[in-house]
Amino acid sequence: MDFEKIAGIIKEKGLHAADCEYHTIRELEDGGKLRALLVKGSTTLNIEYTCPTCKKYGFNQQEWKPVSKAAMYKFSTKCQHCGFEIKVPKLKGGKKKKDKTPEA
């Protein structure tokens, strides 16, 4: 499924990569998908998703809240159908996991 609402926003406003504060397309666990777009100068994050739990399509708009560098997740949103909290992990940064391999 193509995420047509965000694609429509991009086409309608004639946006390019330089016009976006944040834009991501992610494959989630259990077959879910998510696309999020934050236009520069805006505080509204547009989110389209296929829920990993109920497999239904949804579209949300929510306030963008920057997170700390130590945070594991960039943002989260709730499925409007089943209420499942979809957490979007950061691609880089976040807390480092300690290697539990014993040293010889």
N, C-alpha and C. Protein backbone atom coordinates (compact mmCIF):
# COMPACT_ATOMS: atom_id res chain seq x y z
N MET A 1 0.84 -1.18 0.00
CA MET A 1 0.00 0.00 0.00
C MET A 1 0.89 1.24 0.00
N ASP A 2 0.62 2.13 -0.93
CA ASP A 2 1.32 3.41 -0.94
C ASP A 2 0.65 4.34 0.06
N PHE A 3 1.44 5.12 0.71
CA PHE A 3 0.91 6.08 1.66
C PHE A 3 0.55 7.35 0.90
N GLU A 4 -0.70 7.44 0.48
CA GLU A 4 -1.14 8.48 -0.44
C GLU A 4 -1.34 9.85 0.21
N LYS A 5 -1.67 9.91 1.49
CA LYS A 5 -1.90 11.23 2.12
C LYS A 5 -0.61 12.03 2.20
N ILE A 6 0.47 11.42 2.65
CA ILE A 6 1.74 12.14 2.73
C ILE A 6 2.27 12.43 1.33
N ALA A 7 2.10 11.48 0.42
CA ALA A 7 2.50 11.72 -0.98
C ALA A 7 1.73 12.91 -1.54
N GLY A 8 0.45 13.03 -1.19
CA GLY A 8 -0.37 14.16 -1.63
C GLY A 8 0.10 15.48 -1.04
N ILE A 9 0.50 15.46 0.24
CA ILE A 9 1.02 16.67 0.88
C ILE A 9 2.30 17.13 0.18
N ILE A 10 3.17 16.18 -0.12
CA ILE A 10 4.43 16.50 -0.79
C ILE A 10 4.17 17.08 -2.17
N LYS A 11 3.25 16.46 -2.92
CA LYS A 11 2.93 16.93 -4.27
C LYS A 11 2.23 18.29 -4.24
N GLU A 12 1.25 18.44 -3.34
CA GLU A 12 0.47 19.68 -3.23
C GLU A 12 1.35 20.88 -2.91
N LYS A 13 2.31 20.68 -1.98
CA LYS A 13 3.17 21.79 -1.56
C LYS A 13 4.46 21.87 -2.38
N GLY A 14 4.67 20.92 -3.29
CA GLY A 14 5.89 20.92 -4.10
C GLY A 14 7.15 20.78 -3.26
N LEU A 15 7.10 19.92 -2.25
CA LEU A 15 8.21 19.78 -1.30
C LEU A 15 9.38 18.99 -1.89
N HIS A 16 10.57 19.37 -1.46
CA HIS A 16 11.81 18.66 -1.77
C HIS A 16 12.45 18.27 -0.45
N ALA A 17 13.48 17.46 -0.50
CA ALA A 17 14.15 16.99 0.72
C ALA A 17 14.58 18.16 1.62
N ALA A 18 15.04 19.24 1.04
CA ALA A 18 15.50 20.39 1.82
C ALA A 18 14.35 21.08 2.57
N ASP A 19 13.11 20.82 2.17
CA ASP A 19 11.95 21.44 2.81
C ASP A 19 11.45 20.65 4.01
N CYS A 20 12.05 19.48 4.27
CA CYS A 20 11.58 18.60 5.33
C CYS A 20 12.52 18.64 6.53
N GLU A 21 11.93 18.84 7.70
CA GLU A 21 12.68 18.77 8.95
C GLU A 21 12.94 17.30 9.29
N TYR A 22 11.93 16.46 9.06
CA TYR A 22 12.02 15.03 9.36
C TYR A 22 11.13 14.27 8.39
N HIS A 23 11.67 13.21 7.78
CA HIS A 23 10.89 12.36 6.87
C HIS A 23 11.45 10.96 6.96
N THR A 24 10.59 9.98 7.22
CA THR A 24 11.05 8.61 7.33
C THR A 24 10.00 7.65 6.79
N ILE A 25 10.47 6.55 6.25
CA ILE A 25 9.61 5.43 5.85
C ILE A 25 10.22 4.21 6.52
N ARG A 26 9.43 3.52 7.34
CA ARG A 26 9.96 2.39 8.11
C ARG A 26 9.13 1.13 7.93
N GLU A 27 9.82 0.01 7.93
CA GLU A 27 9.18 -1.30 8.05
C GLU A 27 9.20 -1.60 9.54
N LEU A 28 8.04 -1.91 10.10
CA LEU A 28 7.94 -2.22 11.52
C LEU A 28 7.88 -3.73 11.72
N GLU A 29 8.07 -4.15 12.96
CA GLU A 29 7.97 -5.57 13.28
C GLU A 29 6.56 -6.06 12.98
N ASP A 30 6.43 -7.34 12.71
CA ASP A 30 5.14 -8.00 12.48
C ASP A 30 4.38 -7.45 11.27
N GLY A 31 5.09 -6.96 10.26
CA GLY A 31 4.46 -6.56 9.01
C GLY A 31 3.88 -5.16 8.98
N GLY A 32 4.11 -4.35 9.99
CA GLY A 32 3.61 -2.98 9.97
C GLY A 32 4.51 -2.07 9.14
N LYS A 33 3.97 -0.95 8.70
CA LYS A 33 4.73 0.05 7.96
C LYS A 33 4.34 1.43 8.49
N LEU A 34 5.25 2.38 8.32
CA LEU A 34 4.99 3.73 8.80
C LEU A 34 5.73 4.73 7.92
N ARG A 35 5.09 5.86 7.67
CA ARG A 35 5.73 6.98 6.99
C ARG A 35 5.38 8.23 7.78
N ALA A 36 6.38 9.06 8.05
CA ALA A 36 6.16 10.28 8.81
C ALA A 36 6.85 11.45 8.11
N LEU A 37 6.21 12.62 8.19
CA LEU A 37 6.73 13.82 7.54
C LEU A 37 6.51 15.03 8.44
N LEU A 38 7.58 15.78 8.64
CA LEU A 38 7.52 17.06 9.35
C LEU A 38 8.12 18.11 8.42
N VAL A 39 7.30 19.07 8.01
CA VAL A 39 7.73 20.13 7.11
C VAL A 39 8.45 21.19 7.94
N LYS A 40 9.55 21.73 7.41
CA LYS A 40 10.28 22.80 8.11
C LYS A 40 9.35 23.95 8.44
N GLY A 41 9.48 24.48 9.63
CA GLY A 41 8.66 25.60 10.08
C GLY A 41 7.33 25.17 10.68
N SER A 42 7.03 23.88 10.65
CA SER A 42 5.79 23.36 11.22
C SER A 42 6.10 22.58 12.49
N THR A 43 5.12 22.44 13.35
CA THR A 43 5.28 21.60 14.54
C THR A 43 4.33 20.40 14.48
N THR A 44 3.67 20.21 13.32
CA THR A 44 2.72 19.11 13.15
C THR A 44 3.37 17.98 12.36
N LEU A 45 3.46 16.83 12.98
CA LEU A 45 4.01 15.63 12.35
C LEU A 45 2.86 14.86 11.70
N ASN A 46 2.98 14.58 10.40
CA ASN A 46 2.00 13.79 9.66
C ASN A 46 2.47 12.35 9.67
N ILE A 47 1.60 11.42 10.08
CA ILE A 47 1.99 10.01 10.22
C ILE A 47 0.96 9.13 9.52
N GLU A 48 1.42 8.31 8.60
CA GLU A 48 0.60 7.27 7.97
C GLU A 48 1.19 5.94 8.37
N TYR A 49 0.35 4.97 8.62
CA TYR A 49 0.87 3.68 9.08
C TYR A 49 -0.08 2.54 8.73
N THR A 50 0.49 1.35 8.72
CA THR A 50 -0.26 0.11 8.74
C THR A 50 0.10 -0.51 10.07
N CYS A 51 -0.88 -0.70 10.93
CA CYS A 51 -0.64 -1.16 12.30
C CYS A 51 -0.09 -2.59 12.31
N PRO A 52 0.98 -2.83 13.06
CA PRO A 52 1.53 -4.18 13.15
C PRO A 52 0.61 -5.16 13.87
N THR A 53 -0.32 -4.66 14.67
CA THR A 53 -1.22 -5.54 15.42
C THR A 53 -2.49 -5.87 14.65
N CYS A 54 -3.24 -4.84 14.24
CA CYS A 54 -4.53 -5.10 13.58
C CYS A 54 -4.44 -5.05 12.05
N LYS A 55 -3.30 -4.62 11.52
CA LYS A 55 -3.03 -4.55 10.07
C LYS A 55 -3.88 -3.53 9.33
N LYS A 56 -4.52 -2.61 10.04
CA LYS A 56 -5.35 -1.59 9.40
C LYS A 56 -4.54 -0.33 9.13
N TYR A 57 -4.95 0.41 8.10
CA TYR A 57 -4.32 1.66 7.71
C TYR A 57 -4.83 2.79 8.61
N GLY A 58 -3.94 3.73 8.93
CA GLY A 58 -4.36 4.89 9.70
C GLY A 58 -3.53 6.11 9.34
N PHE A 59 -4.07 7.28 9.64
CA PHE A 59 -3.38 8.55 9.43
C PHE A 59 -3.60 9.41 10.67
N ASN A 60 -2.51 9.93 11.22
CA ASN A 60 -2.56 10.80 12.40
C ASN A 60 -1.76 12.06 12.13
N GLN A 61 -2.13 13.10 12.83
CA GLN A 61 -1.32 14.31 12.91
C GLN A 61 -1.15 14.59 14.39
N GLN A 62 0.09 14.86 14.79
CA GLN A 62 0.35 15.14 16.20
C GLN A 62 1.47 16.14 16.33
N GLU A 63 1.54 16.73 17.50
CA GLU A 63 2.58 17.72 17.82
C GLU A 63 3.95 17.03 17.81
N TRP A 64 4.92 17.64 17.15
CA TRP A 64 6.29 17.13 17.13
C TRP A 64 6.99 17.54 18.40
N LYS A 65 7.56 16.56 19.09
CA LYS A 65 8.31 16.83 20.33
C LYS A 65 9.70 16.23 20.18
N PRO A 66 10.73 17.07 20.08
CA PRO A 66 12.10 16.55 19.99
C PRO A 66 12.44 15.71 21.22
N VAL A 67 13.25 14.68 21.02
CA VAL A 67 13.66 13.80 22.12
C VAL A 67 15.15 13.96 22.38
N SER A 68 15.59 13.50 23.54
CA SER A 68 17.00 13.59 23.90
C SER A 68 17.82 12.61 23.07
N LYS A 69 19.12 12.82 23.04
CA LYS A 69 20.01 11.92 22.31
C LYS A 69 20.03 10.53 22.92
N ALA A 70 19.75 10.42 24.21
CA ALA A 70 19.77 9.14 24.89
C ALA A 70 18.47 8.35 24.69
N ALA A 71 17.45 8.97 24.13
CA ALA A 71 16.16 8.29 23.94
C ALA A 71 16.30 7.16 22.93
N MET A 72 15.55 6.09 23.16
CA MET A 72 15.58 4.95 22.24
C MET A 72 14.60 5.14 21.09
N TYR A 73 13.55 5.94 21.30
CA TYR A 73 12.52 6.12 20.29
C TYR A 73 12.43 7.56 19.84
N LYS A 74 12.23 7.77 18.54
CA LYS A 74 12.10 9.10 17.96
C LYS A 74 10.73 9.70 18.32
N PHE A 75 9.68 8.87 18.20
CA PHE A 75 8.33 9.27 18.57
C PHE A 75 7.46 8.02 18.63
N SER A 76 6.25 8.19 19.12
CA SER A 76 5.28 7.09 19.10
C SER A 76 3.92 7.66 18.75
N THR A 77 3.04 6.79 18.26
CA THR A 77 1.68 7.16 17.93
C THR A 77 0.78 5.98 18.23
N LYS A 78 -0.49 6.25 18.47
CA LYS A 78 -1.43 5.17 18.76
C LYS A 78 -2.28 4.86 17.53
N CYS A 79 -2.50 3.57 17.30
CA CYS A 79 -3.38 3.14 16.22
C CYS A 79 -4.80 3.61 16.54
N GLN A 80 -5.44 4.24 15.59
CA GLN A 80 -6.79 4.76 15.82
C GLN A 80 -7.84 3.65 15.82
N HIS A 81 -7.46 2.44 15.41
CA HIS A 81 -8.41 1.33 15.36
C HIS A 81 -8.34 0.45 16.61
N CYS A 82 -7.12 0.04 17.00
CA CYS A 82 -6.99 -0.90 18.12
C CYS A 82 -6.30 -0.30 19.35
N GLY A 83 -5.74 0.90 19.22
CA GLY A 83 -5.11 1.56 20.36
C GLY A 83 -3.67 1.13 20.63
N PHE A 84 -3.11 0.27 19.77
CA PHE A 84 -1.73 -0.19 19.95
C PHE A 84 -0.78 1.00 19.81
N GLU A 85 0.20 1.11 20.71
CA GLU A 85 1.18 2.19 20.64
C GLU A 85 2.32 1.77 19.71
N ILE A 86 2.45 2.46 18.61
CA ILE A 86 3.49 2.20 17.63
C ILE A 86 4.68 3.09 17.99
N LYS A 87 5.78 2.46 18.38
CA LYS A 87 6.98 3.20 18.76
C LYS A 87 7.97 3.13 17.61
N VAL A 88 8.51 4.28 17.25
CA VAL A 88 9.45 4.37 16.14
C VAL A 88 10.85 4.55 16.71
N PRO A 89 11.69 3.50 16.60
CA PRO A 89 13.04 3.60 17.17
C PRO A 89 13.92 4.56 16.38
N LYS A 90 14.86 5.16 17.08
CA LYS A 90 15.83 6.03 16.42
C LYS A 90 16.76 5.17 15.58
N LEU A 91 17.22 5.70 14.47
CA LEU A 91 18.12 4.95 13.61
C LEU A 91 19.56 5.00 14.10
N LYS A 92 19.93 6.10 14.75
CA LYS A 92 21.27 6.19 15.31
C LYS A 92 21.19 6.92 16.63
N GLY A 93 22.21 6.78 17.42
CA GLY A 93 22.19 7.39 18.74
C GLY A 93 21.46 6.49 19.71
N GLY A 94 20.84 7.06 20.69
CA GLY A 94 20.12 6.28 21.68
C GLY A 94 21.08 5.64 22.67
N LYS A 95 20.53 4.94 23.64
CA LYS A 95 21.36 4.28 24.64
C LYS A 95 22.12 3.13 24.01
N LYS A 96 23.36 3.00 24.38
CA LYS A 96 24.19 1.91 23.88
C LYS A 96 23.95 0.68 24.73
N LYS A 97 23.79 -0.47 24.06
CA LYS A 97 23.62 -1.72 24.80
C LYS A 97 25.00 -2.25 25.15
N LYS A 98 25.14 -2.70 26.38
CA LYS A 98 26.42 -3.26 26.81
C LYS A 98 26.57 -4.66 26.25
N ASP A 99 27.76 -4.96 25.77
CA ASP A 99 28.06 -6.30 25.27
C ASP A 99 28.25 -7.19 26.49
N LYS A 100 27.46 -8.24 26.57
CA LYS A 100 27.52 -9.12 27.75
C LYS A 100 28.44 -10.31 27.52
N THR A 101 29.30 -10.23 26.52
CA THR A 101 30.25 -11.30 26.27
C THR A 101 31.37 -11.19 27.30
N PRO A 102 31.64 -12.28 28.04
CA PRO A 102 32.70 -12.22 29.05
C PRO A 102 34.07 -12.09 28.39
N GLU A 103 34.91 -11.30 29.04
CA GLU A 103 36.27 -11.12 28.51
C GLU A 103 37.14 -12.28 28.96
N ALA A 104 38.04 -12.70 28.08
CA ALA A 104 38.90 -13.85 28.39
C ALA A 104 40.18 -13.40 29.07
